[in-house]
């Protein structure tokens, strides 16, 4: 059973991902989590500490959900295509609320390097992991290719979350991976 703190953080992410940063308040988190009034402020006294808690909790959740050490590295372009399609599908499907919350936090906190540090560290871990996947797929010069694929996937996620939820991912990702493999 989740702790009061975990319930508050989960509710805060849900608020961010469904209603945006302006909807975030201690009282609204308590209401969303079904907690007694004041519960969230017991854990997070200020809005800044609540935001810091959310950022840390999201980074931990994403590491648990996408733990690179628990995923076998697929070989070849087809494995890379399958993996990228699955990741974008999850982030824009089952984890859509959390993805929207992450984007909202990045935009809102862009100038606050201290608060966004856990999300940026998380991004760097995924960059290194993607470098390994791209290299295992046999694509030469894997670092710039991995960054291009990550940018593409970010754009596809944003597009699916805002404009076209049914966007067909495979043809776009496949075309890009095949082009990088030929380069």
N, C-alpha and C. Protein backbone atom coordinates (compact mmCIF):
# COMPACT_ATOMS: atom_id res chain seq x y z
N UNK A 1 0.85 -1.18 0.00
CA UNK A 1 0.00 0.00 0.00
C UNK A 1 0.89 1.24 0.00
N UNK A 2 0.61 2.20 -0.89
CA UNK A 2 1.44 3.40 -0.97
C UNK A 2 1.35 4.23 0.32
N UNK A 3 2.45 4.87 0.65
CA UNK A 3 2.47 5.76 1.80
C UNK A 3 1.72 7.05 1.47
N UNK A 4 1.45 7.84 2.48
CA UNK A 4 0.79 9.14 2.28
C UNK A 4 1.63 10.01 1.34
N UNK A 5 2.93 9.98 1.53
CA UNK A 5 3.82 10.77 0.68
C UNK A 5 3.73 10.31 -0.77
N UNK A 6 3.75 9.00 -1.00
CA UNK A 6 3.65 8.46 -2.37
C UNK A 6 2.30 8.80 -2.99
N UNK A 7 1.24 8.72 -2.20
CA UNK A 7 -0.08 9.08 -2.72
C UNK A 7 -0.12 10.56 -3.12
N UNK A 8 0.50 11.41 -2.30
CA UNK A 8 0.54 12.83 -2.62
C UNK A 8 1.33 13.08 -3.90
N UNK A 9 2.48 12.43 -4.04
CA UNK A 9 3.31 12.63 -5.22
C UNK A 9 2.62 12.11 -6.48
N UNK A 10 1.99 10.96 -6.37
CA UNK A 10 1.25 10.41 -7.51
C UNK A 10 0.13 11.36 -7.93
N UNK A 11 -0.59 11.88 -6.96
CA UNK A 11 -1.67 12.83 -7.26
C UNK A 11 -1.13 14.12 -7.86
N UNK A 12 0.02 14.57 -7.38
CA UNK A 12 0.63 15.79 -7.92
C UNK A 12 1.01 15.60 -9.38
N UNK A 13 1.59 14.46 -9.70
CA UNK A 13 1.95 14.17 -11.10
C UNK A 13 0.69 14.11 -11.95
N UNK A 14 -0.35 13.50 -11.44
CA UNK A 14 -1.61 13.42 -12.17
C UNK A 14 -2.18 14.82 -12.42
N UNK A 15 -2.13 15.68 -11.40
CA UNK A 15 -2.60 17.06 -11.58
C UNK A 15 -1.78 17.78 -12.66
N UNK A 16 -0.47 17.66 -12.56
CA UNK A 16 0.40 18.31 -13.56
C UNK A 16 0.12 17.79 -14.96
N UNK A 17 -0.04 16.49 -15.08
CA UNK A 17 -0.22 15.87 -16.39
C UNK A 17 -1.60 16.04 -16.99
N UNK A 18 -2.58 16.39 -16.18
CA UNK A 18 -3.94 16.56 -16.71
C UNK A 18 -4.40 18.01 -16.72
N UNK A 19 -3.91 18.81 -15.76
CA UNK A 19 -4.40 20.18 -15.65
C UNK A 19 -3.31 21.24 -15.74
N UNK A 20 -2.05 20.83 -15.74
CA UNK A 20 -0.96 21.78 -15.88
C UNK A 20 -0.42 22.30 -14.56
N UNK A 21 0.65 23.08 -14.66
CA UNK A 21 1.37 23.57 -13.49
C UNK A 21 0.51 24.50 -12.64
N UNK A 22 -0.33 25.29 -13.26
CA UNK A 22 -1.16 26.23 -12.49
C UNK A 22 -2.15 25.52 -11.57
N UNK A 23 -2.47 24.29 -11.87
CA UNK A 23 -3.42 23.54 -11.03
C UNK A 23 -2.77 22.98 -9.78
N UNK A 24 -1.46 23.03 -9.71
CA UNK A 24 -0.75 22.41 -8.60
C UNK A 24 -0.81 23.27 -7.34
N UNK A 25 -1.42 22.74 -6.33
CA UNK A 25 -1.42 23.36 -5.00
C UNK A 25 -1.47 22.23 -3.98
N UNK A 26 -1.05 22.53 -2.78
CA UNK A 26 -1.09 21.52 -1.72
C UNK A 26 -2.51 21.02 -1.51
N UNK A 27 -3.46 21.93 -1.47
CA UNK A 27 -4.86 21.56 -1.22
C UNK A 27 -5.41 20.68 -2.34
N UNK A 28 -5.09 21.01 -3.58
CA UNK A 28 -5.58 20.21 -4.70
C UNK A 28 -4.92 18.84 -4.73
N UNK A 29 -3.67 18.76 -4.35
CA UNK A 29 -3.00 17.45 -4.26
C UNK A 29 -3.69 16.60 -3.20
N UNK A 30 -3.94 17.20 -2.03
CA UNK A 30 -4.64 16.46 -0.97
C UNK A 30 -5.99 15.95 -1.47
N UNK A 31 -6.74 16.82 -2.13
CA UNK A 31 -8.07 16.42 -2.62
C UNK A 31 -7.95 15.30 -3.65
N UNK A 32 -7.03 15.44 -4.59
CA UNK A 32 -6.86 14.43 -5.64
C UNK A 32 -6.43 13.09 -5.06
N UNK A 33 -5.59 13.13 -4.02
CA UNK A 33 -5.08 11.90 -3.41
C UNK A 33 -6.05 11.32 -2.38
N UNK A 34 -7.10 12.06 -2.07
CA UNK A 34 -8.03 11.59 -1.04
C UNK A 34 -7.40 11.63 0.35
N UNK A 35 -6.55 12.61 0.58
CA UNK A 35 -5.86 12.75 1.86
C UNK A 35 -6.49 13.86 2.69
N UNK A 36 -6.35 13.81 4.00
CA UNK A 36 -6.85 14.89 4.84
C UNK A 36 -6.13 16.21 4.49
N UNK A 37 -6.84 17.31 4.63
CA UNK A 37 -6.27 18.62 4.35
C UNK A 37 -4.98 18.80 5.15
N UNK A 38 -3.95 19.31 4.50
CA UNK A 38 -2.67 19.56 5.15
C UNK A 38 -1.67 18.42 5.04
N UNK A 39 -2.11 17.29 4.54
CA UNK A 39 -1.20 16.13 4.45
C UNK A 39 0.00 16.41 3.55
N UNK A 40 -0.24 16.97 2.38
CA UNK A 40 0.85 17.23 1.45
C UNK A 40 1.83 18.24 2.03
N UNK A 41 1.30 19.27 2.72
CA UNK A 41 2.20 20.27 3.29
C UNK A 41 2.99 19.73 4.47
N UNK A 42 2.57 18.63 5.05
CA UNK A 42 3.39 17.98 6.08
C UNK A 42 4.67 17.44 5.48
N UNK A 43 4.60 16.95 4.25
CA UNK A 43 5.77 16.40 3.57
C UNK A 43 6.54 17.49 2.83
N UNK A 44 5.81 18.43 2.25
CA UNK A 44 6.42 19.46 1.39
C UNK A 44 5.88 20.82 1.83
N UNK A 45 6.65 21.53 2.62
CA UNK A 45 6.18 22.78 3.24
C UNK A 45 5.91 23.89 2.22
N UNK A 46 6.71 23.94 1.17
CA UNK A 46 6.56 25.03 0.20
C UNK A 46 6.25 24.44 -1.18
N UNK A 47 5.80 25.32 -2.06
CA UNK A 47 5.55 24.88 -3.45
C UNK A 47 6.86 24.39 -4.07
N UNK A 48 7.94 25.08 -3.78
CA UNK A 48 9.25 24.67 -4.34
C UNK A 48 9.64 23.27 -3.85
N UNK A 49 9.42 22.99 -2.57
CA UNK A 49 9.76 21.66 -2.07
C UNK A 49 8.83 20.60 -2.66
N UNK A 50 7.58 20.96 -2.92
CA UNK A 50 6.67 20.04 -3.58
C UNK A 50 7.15 19.76 -5.01
N UNK A 51 7.54 20.79 -5.74
CA UNK A 51 8.06 20.61 -7.09
C UNK A 51 9.32 19.75 -7.07
N UNK A 52 10.21 20.00 -6.13
CA UNK A 52 11.43 19.19 -6.02
C UNK A 52 11.08 17.73 -5.74
N UNK A 53 10.11 17.50 -4.86
CA UNK A 53 9.69 16.14 -4.56
C UNK A 53 9.11 15.44 -5.77
N UNK A 54 8.33 16.18 -6.55
CA UNK A 54 7.72 15.61 -7.76
C UNK A 54 8.81 15.24 -8.76
N UNK A 55 9.75 16.13 -8.99
CA UNK A 55 10.83 15.88 -9.94
C UNK A 55 11.62 14.64 -9.53
N UNK A 56 11.99 14.55 -8.26
CA UNK A 56 12.74 13.38 -7.78
C UNK A 56 11.92 12.10 -7.95
N UNK A 57 10.66 12.15 -7.57
CA UNK A 57 9.80 10.98 -7.63
C UNK A 57 9.58 10.52 -9.07
N UNK A 58 9.40 11.48 -9.99
CA UNK A 58 9.23 11.12 -11.40
C UNK A 58 10.49 10.45 -11.94
N UNK A 59 11.65 11.00 -11.60
CA UNK A 59 12.90 10.41 -12.08
C UNK A 59 13.06 8.99 -11.55
N UNK A 60 12.74 8.78 -10.27
CA UNK A 60 12.81 7.43 -9.69
C UNK A 60 11.82 6.49 -10.37
N UNK A 61 10.62 6.96 -10.62
CA UNK A 61 9.59 6.13 -11.27
C UNK A 61 10.02 5.73 -12.67
N UNK A 62 10.57 6.68 -13.40
CA UNK A 62 11.00 6.38 -14.77
C UNK A 62 12.18 5.40 -14.78
N UNK A 63 13.10 5.57 -13.84
CA UNK A 63 14.21 4.62 -13.76
C UNK A 63 13.68 3.21 -13.47
N UNK A 64 12.69 3.11 -12.62
CA UNK A 64 12.12 1.80 -12.30
C UNK A 64 11.38 1.21 -13.50
N UNK A 65 10.67 2.05 -14.23
CA UNK A 65 9.89 1.57 -15.38
C UNK A 65 10.75 1.25 -16.59
N UNK A 66 11.85 1.96 -16.76
CA UNK A 66 12.71 1.78 -17.93
C UNK A 66 14.13 1.48 -17.52
N UNK A 67 14.30 0.53 -16.62
CA UNK A 67 15.62 0.18 -16.13
C UNK A 67 16.43 -0.50 -17.23
N UNK A 68 17.43 0.22 -17.77
CA UNK A 68 18.23 -0.35 -18.85
C UNK A 68 18.92 -1.66 -18.50
N UNK A 69 19.25 -1.87 -17.22
CA UNK A 69 19.95 -3.10 -16.85
C UNK A 69 19.04 -4.31 -16.97
N UNK A 70 17.74 -4.11 -16.95
CA UNK A 70 16.80 -5.22 -17.04
C UNK A 70 16.31 -5.50 -18.45
N UNK A 71 16.82 -4.74 -19.41
CA UNK A 71 16.37 -4.89 -20.79
C UNK A 71 17.53 -5.41 -21.63
N UNK A 72 17.29 -6.47 -22.36
CA UNK A 72 18.34 -6.98 -23.23
C UNK A 72 18.48 -6.04 -24.42
N UNK A 73 19.70 -5.89 -24.86
CA UNK A 73 19.98 -5.01 -25.99
C UNK A 73 19.66 -5.75 -27.28
N UNK A 74 18.67 -5.23 -27.99
CA UNK A 74 18.27 -5.84 -29.26
C UNK A 74 19.33 -5.55 -30.31
N UNK A 75 19.60 -6.51 -31.13
CA UNK A 75 20.62 -6.35 -32.16
C UNK A 75 19.95 -5.98 -33.48
N UNK A 76 20.66 -5.20 -34.25
CA UNK A 76 20.21 -4.85 -35.59
C UNK A 76 19.19 -3.73 -35.60
N UNK A 77 18.96 -3.22 -36.79
CA UNK A 77 18.03 -2.11 -36.97
C UNK A 77 16.61 -2.47 -36.57
N UNK A 78 16.19 -3.71 -36.88
CA UNK A 78 14.82 -4.11 -36.53
C UNK A 78 14.59 -4.08 -35.03
N UNK A 79 15.56 -4.53 -34.26
CA UNK A 79 15.43 -4.49 -32.81
C UNK A 79 15.36 -3.07 -32.28
N UNK A 80 16.16 -2.19 -32.86
CA UNK A 80 16.14 -0.79 -32.46
C UNK A 80 14.79 -0.16 -32.80
N UNK A 81 14.30 -0.44 -33.97
CA UNK A 81 12.99 0.09 -34.39
C UNK A 81 11.90 -0.39 -33.44
N UNK A 82 11.89 -1.67 -33.16
CA UNK A 82 10.89 -2.23 -32.24
C UNK A 82 10.96 -1.57 -30.87
N UNK A 83 12.17 -1.41 -30.37
CA UNK A 83 12.35 -0.82 -29.04
C UNK A 83 11.91 0.62 -28.97
N UNK A 84 12.27 1.40 -29.98
CA UNK A 84 11.87 2.81 -29.99
C UNK A 84 10.36 2.97 -30.13
N UNK A 85 9.77 2.15 -30.99
CA UNK A 85 8.30 2.20 -31.14
C UNK A 85 7.61 1.86 -29.83
N UNK A 86 8.10 0.84 -29.14
CA UNK A 86 7.50 0.43 -27.86
C UNK A 86 7.65 1.53 -26.82
N UNK A 87 8.81 2.17 -26.77
CA UNK A 87 9.04 3.22 -25.79
C UNK A 87 8.13 4.42 -26.04
N UNK A 88 8.03 4.87 -27.29
CA UNK A 88 7.18 6.03 -27.60
C UNK A 88 5.71 5.68 -27.34
N UNK A 89 5.33 4.46 -27.68
CA UNK A 89 3.96 4.01 -27.42
C UNK A 89 3.64 4.06 -25.93
N UNK A 90 4.54 3.57 -25.10
CA UNK A 90 4.33 3.60 -23.65
C UNK A 90 4.28 5.04 -23.12
N UNK A 91 5.24 5.84 -23.52
CA UNK A 91 5.31 7.22 -23.01
C UNK A 91 4.12 8.07 -23.45
N UNK A 92 3.56 7.78 -24.61
CA UNK A 92 2.42 8.56 -25.09
C UNK A 92 1.10 7.82 -24.89
N UNK A 93 1.17 6.65 -24.27
CA UNK A 93 -0.02 5.85 -23.99
C UNK A 93 -0.18 5.64 -22.50
N UNK A 94 0.30 4.52 -22.01
CA UNK A 94 0.13 4.16 -20.60
C UNK A 94 0.74 5.20 -19.65
N UNK A 95 1.84 5.82 -20.04
CA UNK A 95 2.50 6.81 -19.19
C UNK A 95 2.27 8.25 -19.67
N UNK A 96 1.20 8.48 -20.43
CA UNK A 96 0.96 9.80 -21.02
C UNK A 96 0.85 10.90 -19.98
N UNK A 97 0.17 10.64 -18.89
CA UNK A 97 0.01 11.67 -17.86
C UNK A 97 1.36 12.08 -17.30
N UNK A 98 2.19 11.09 -17.01
CA UNK A 98 3.52 11.39 -16.48
C UNK A 98 4.38 12.12 -17.52
N UNK A 99 4.25 11.75 -18.78
CA UNK A 99 5.01 12.43 -19.83
C UNK A 99 4.58 13.88 -19.94
N UNK A 100 3.26 14.13 -19.90
CA UNK A 100 2.77 15.51 -19.93
C UNK A 100 3.28 16.29 -18.72
N UNK A 101 3.29 15.64 -17.56
CA UNK A 101 3.79 16.29 -16.35
C UNK A 101 5.27 16.64 -16.51
N UNK A 102 6.05 15.73 -17.07
CA UNK A 102 7.48 15.99 -17.28
C UNK A 102 7.66 17.19 -18.21
N UNK A 103 6.92 17.22 -19.31
CA UNK A 103 7.02 18.36 -20.24
C UNK A 103 6.62 19.65 -19.54
N UNK A 104 5.54 19.62 -18.76
CA UNK A 104 5.09 20.81 -18.04
C UNK A 104 6.18 21.30 -17.09
N UNK A 105 6.82 20.37 -16.39
CA UNK A 105 7.88 20.76 -15.47
C UNK A 105 9.09 21.33 -16.21
N UNK A 106 9.47 20.71 -17.31
CA UNK A 106 10.60 21.23 -18.07
C UNK A 106 10.34 22.66 -18.53
N UNK A 107 9.14 22.92 -19.00
CA UNK A 107 8.81 24.27 -19.48
C UNK A 107 8.76 25.25 -18.30
N UNK A 108 8.07 24.87 -17.26
CA UNK A 108 7.89 25.75 -16.10
C UNK A 108 9.22 26.01 -15.37
N UNK A 109 10.06 25.01 -15.28
CA UNK A 109 11.28 25.11 -14.48
C UNK A 109 12.54 25.25 -15.32
N UNK A 110 12.40 25.61 -16.58
CA UNK A 110 13.55 25.64 -17.48
C UNK A 110 14.72 26.47 -16.95
N UNK A 111 14.44 27.53 -16.25
CA UNK A 111 15.52 28.38 -15.76
C UNK A 111 16.02 27.98 -14.37
N UNK A 112 15.40 26.97 -13.77
CA UNK A 112 15.80 26.53 -12.44
C UNK A 112 16.61 25.24 -12.54
N UNK A 113 17.91 25.40 -12.70
CA UNK A 113 18.79 24.24 -12.91
C UNK A 113 18.81 23.31 -11.70
N UNK A 114 18.63 23.85 -10.52
CA UNK A 114 18.64 23.00 -9.32
C UNK A 114 17.44 22.07 -9.31
N UNK A 115 16.25 22.59 -9.59
CA UNK A 115 15.06 21.76 -9.56
C UNK A 115 15.01 20.75 -10.69
N UNK A 116 15.53 21.11 -11.84
CA UNK A 116 15.47 20.19 -12.98
C UNK A 116 16.65 19.22 -13.03
N UNK A 117 17.58 19.35 -12.11
CA UNK A 117 18.78 18.48 -12.13
C UNK A 117 18.44 16.99 -12.18
N UNK A 118 17.49 16.49 -11.37
CA UNK A 118 17.19 15.05 -11.46
C UNK A 118 16.65 14.64 -12.83
N UNK A 119 15.84 15.48 -13.45
CA UNK A 119 15.31 15.14 -14.77
C UNK A 119 16.42 15.18 -15.83
N UNK A 120 17.34 16.13 -15.68
CA UNK A 120 18.45 16.20 -16.63
C UNK A 120 19.40 15.02 -16.44
N UNK A 121 19.65 14.62 -15.18
CA UNK A 121 20.48 13.42 -14.94
C UNK A 121 19.81 12.19 -15.55
N UNK A 122 18.52 12.11 -15.39
CA UNK A 122 17.76 11.00 -15.96
C UNK A 122 17.92 10.99 -17.48
N UNK A 123 17.82 12.15 -18.09
CA UNK A 123 17.97 12.26 -19.54
C UNK A 123 19.35 11.77 -19.97
N UNK A 124 20.38 12.16 -19.23
CA UNK A 124 21.75 11.73 -19.58
C UNK A 124 21.91 10.21 -19.47
N UNK A 125 21.26 9.60 -18.48
CA UNK A 125 21.31 8.14 -18.37
C UNK A 125 20.67 7.49 -19.59
N UNK A 126 19.53 8.03 -20.02
CA UNK A 126 18.87 7.49 -21.20
C UNK A 126 19.65 7.76 -22.48
N UNK A 127 20.39 8.87 -22.51
CA UNK A 127 21.26 9.13 -23.66
C UNK A 127 22.33 8.04 -23.77
N UNK A 128 22.97 7.73 -22.65
CA UNK A 128 24.01 6.69 -22.67
C UNK A 128 23.43 5.33 -23.07
N UNK A 129 22.26 5.03 -22.55
CA UNK A 129 21.60 3.76 -22.89
C UNK A 129 21.26 3.74 -24.38
N UNK A 130 20.73 4.83 -24.90
CA UNK A 130 20.38 4.90 -26.32
C UNK A 130 21.63 4.81 -27.18
N UNK A 131 22.73 5.40 -26.73
CA UNK A 131 24.01 5.25 -27.46
C UNK A 131 24.35 3.78 -27.62
N UNK A 132 24.18 3.00 -26.54
CA UNK A 132 24.48 1.57 -26.59
C UNK A 132 23.54 0.83 -27.55
N UNK A 133 22.26 1.19 -27.52
CA UNK A 133 21.29 0.54 -28.42
C UNK A 133 21.61 0.83 -29.87
N UNK A 134 21.94 2.08 -30.15
CA UNK A 134 22.26 2.47 -31.53
C UNK A 134 23.54 1.78 -31.98
N UNK A 135 24.53 1.71 -31.12
CA UNK A 135 25.77 1.03 -31.45
C UNK A 135 25.52 -0.46 -31.70
N UNK A 136 24.70 -1.08 -30.84
CA UNK A 136 24.38 -2.50 -31.00
C UNK A 136 23.61 -2.76 -32.29
N UNK A 137 22.91 -1.75 -32.78
CA UNK A 137 22.18 -1.89 -34.04
C UNK A 137 23.11 -1.78 -35.25
N UNK A 138 24.38 -1.48 -34.99
CA UNK A 138 25.35 -1.42 -36.08
C UNK A 138 25.41 -0.07 -36.78
N UNK A 139 24.84 0.95 -36.19
CA UNK A 139 24.86 2.28 -36.79
C UNK A 139 26.18 2.95 -36.43
N UNK A 140 26.89 3.41 -37.44
CA UNK A 140 28.17 4.07 -37.23
C UNK A 140 27.94 5.44 -36.59
N UNK A 141 28.93 5.91 -35.89
CA UNK A 141 28.86 7.21 -35.21
C UNK A 141 27.60 7.28 -34.34
N UNK A 142 27.51 6.39 -33.34
CA UNK A 142 26.27 6.21 -32.60
C UNK A 142 25.79 7.41 -31.78
N UNK A 143 26.69 8.24 -31.27
CA UNK A 143 26.26 9.32 -30.39
C UNK A 143 25.38 10.34 -31.12
N UNK A 144 25.82 10.93 -32.24
CA UNK A 144 24.92 11.87 -32.92
C UNK A 144 23.65 11.18 -33.45
N UNK A 145 23.77 9.93 -33.85
CA UNK A 145 22.60 9.20 -34.32
C UNK A 145 21.61 8.97 -33.17
N UNK A 146 22.13 8.64 -32.00
CA UNK A 146 21.26 8.44 -30.84
C UNK A 146 20.56 9.74 -30.47
N UNK A 147 21.28 10.86 -30.51
CA UNK A 147 20.66 12.15 -30.18
C UNK A 147 19.56 12.49 -31.20
N UNK A 148 19.80 12.18 -32.47
CA UNK A 148 18.78 12.44 -33.49
C UNK A 148 17.55 11.58 -33.23
N UNK A 149 17.76 10.32 -32.87
CA UNK A 149 16.62 9.44 -32.60
C UNK A 149 15.86 9.86 -31.35
N UNK A 150 16.59 10.31 -30.34
CA UNK A 150 15.92 10.78 -29.13
C UNK A 150 15.10 12.03 -29.42
N UNK A 151 15.64 12.94 -30.22
CA UNK A 151 14.89 14.14 -30.59
C UNK A 151 13.64 13.76 -31.39
N UNK A 152 13.80 12.83 -32.31
CA UNK A 152 12.65 12.36 -33.08
C UNK A 152 11.59 11.78 -32.15
N UNK A 153 12.00 10.93 -31.23
CA UNK A 153 11.04 10.30 -30.32
C UNK A 153 10.37 11.33 -29.41
N UNK A 154 11.13 12.32 -28.95
CA UNK A 154 10.52 13.40 -28.16
C UNK A 154 9.45 14.12 -28.99
N UNK A 155 9.77 14.40 -30.23
CA UNK A 155 8.80 15.06 -31.10
C UNK A 155 7.58 14.20 -31.36
N UNK A 156 7.79 12.91 -31.57
CA UNK A 156 6.66 12.01 -31.79
C UNK A 156 5.77 11.92 -30.55
N UNK A 157 6.40 11.86 -29.38
CA UNK A 157 5.60 11.82 -28.14
C UNK A 157 4.79 13.10 -28.00
N UNK A 158 5.43 14.24 -28.20
CA UNK A 158 4.73 15.51 -28.07
C UNK A 158 3.58 15.60 -29.09
N UNK A 159 3.83 15.16 -30.29
CA UNK A 159 2.81 15.18 -31.34
C UNK A 159 1.63 14.29 -30.95
N UNK A 160 1.92 13.10 -30.46
CA UNK A 160 0.83 12.19 -30.07
C UNK A 160 0.07 12.72 -28.86
N UNK A 161 0.74 13.38 -27.96
CA UNK A 161 0.08 13.90 -26.75
C UNK A 161 -0.74 15.15 -27.01
N UNK A 162 -0.45 15.86 -28.10
CA UNK A 162 -1.11 17.15 -28.32
C UNK A 162 -1.96 17.22 -29.58
N UNK A 163 -1.55 16.57 -30.64
CA UNK A 163 -2.19 16.78 -31.93
C UNK A 163 -2.86 15.52 -32.49
N UNK A 164 -2.12 14.42 -32.49
CA UNK A 164 -2.59 13.22 -33.19
C UNK A 164 -2.29 11.97 -32.36
N UNK A 165 -3.17 11.62 -31.42
CA UNK A 165 -2.91 10.46 -30.57
C UNK A 165 -2.76 9.15 -31.34
N UNK A 166 -3.31 9.07 -32.52
CA UNK A 166 -3.23 7.84 -33.29
C UNK A 166 -2.12 7.81 -34.32
N UNK A 167 -1.20 8.77 -34.25
CA UNK A 167 -0.10 8.83 -35.21
C UNK A 167 0.60 7.49 -35.31
N UNK A 168 0.76 6.99 -36.51
CA UNK A 168 1.46 5.72 -36.76
C UNK A 168 2.96 5.95 -36.60
N UNK A 169 3.54 5.33 -35.61
CA UNK A 169 4.94 5.55 -35.27
C UNK A 169 5.92 4.79 -36.15
N UNK A 170 5.62 3.55 -36.42
CA UNK A 170 6.57 2.65 -37.07
C UNK A 170 7.13 3.19 -38.38
N UNK A 171 6.31 3.69 -39.30
CA UNK A 171 6.91 4.15 -40.57
C UNK A 171 7.92 5.29 -40.38
N UNK A 172 7.64 6.17 -39.44
CA UNK A 172 8.54 7.31 -39.20
C UNK A 172 9.84 6.84 -38.56
N UNK A 173 9.72 6.04 -37.52
CA UNK A 173 10.91 5.56 -36.83
C UNK A 173 11.72 4.64 -37.74
N UNK A 174 11.04 3.77 -38.47
CA UNK A 174 11.74 2.85 -39.36
C UNK A 174 12.51 3.61 -40.44
N UNK A 175 11.89 4.60 -41.04
CA UNK A 175 12.56 5.37 -42.09
C UNK A 175 13.80 6.05 -41.53
N UNK A 176 13.70 6.60 -40.34
CA UNK A 176 14.83 7.31 -39.74
C UNK A 176 15.96 6.35 -39.38
N UNK A 177 15.63 5.24 -38.75
CA UNK A 177 16.67 4.27 -38.37
C UNK A 177 17.36 3.72 -39.62
N UNK A 178 16.60 3.40 -40.62
CA UNK A 178 17.20 2.85 -41.87
C UNK A 178 18.10 3.89 -42.52
N UNK A 179 17.69 5.17 -42.50
CA UNK A 179 18.52 6.22 -43.09
C UNK A 179 19.82 6.38 -42.30
N UNK A 180 19.73 6.32 -40.98
CA UNK A 180 20.95 6.42 -40.16
C UNK A 180 21.86 5.21 -40.38
N UNK A 181 21.29 4.05 -40.58
CA UNK A 181 22.08 2.84 -40.80
C UNK A 181 22.82 2.91 -42.13
N UNK A 182 22.23 3.58 -43.12
CA UNK A 182 22.88 3.71 -44.43
C UNK A 182 23.92 4.81 -44.46
N UNK A 183 23.81 5.77 -43.55
CA UNK A 183 24.72 6.94 -43.57
C UNK A 183 26.14 6.56 -43.22
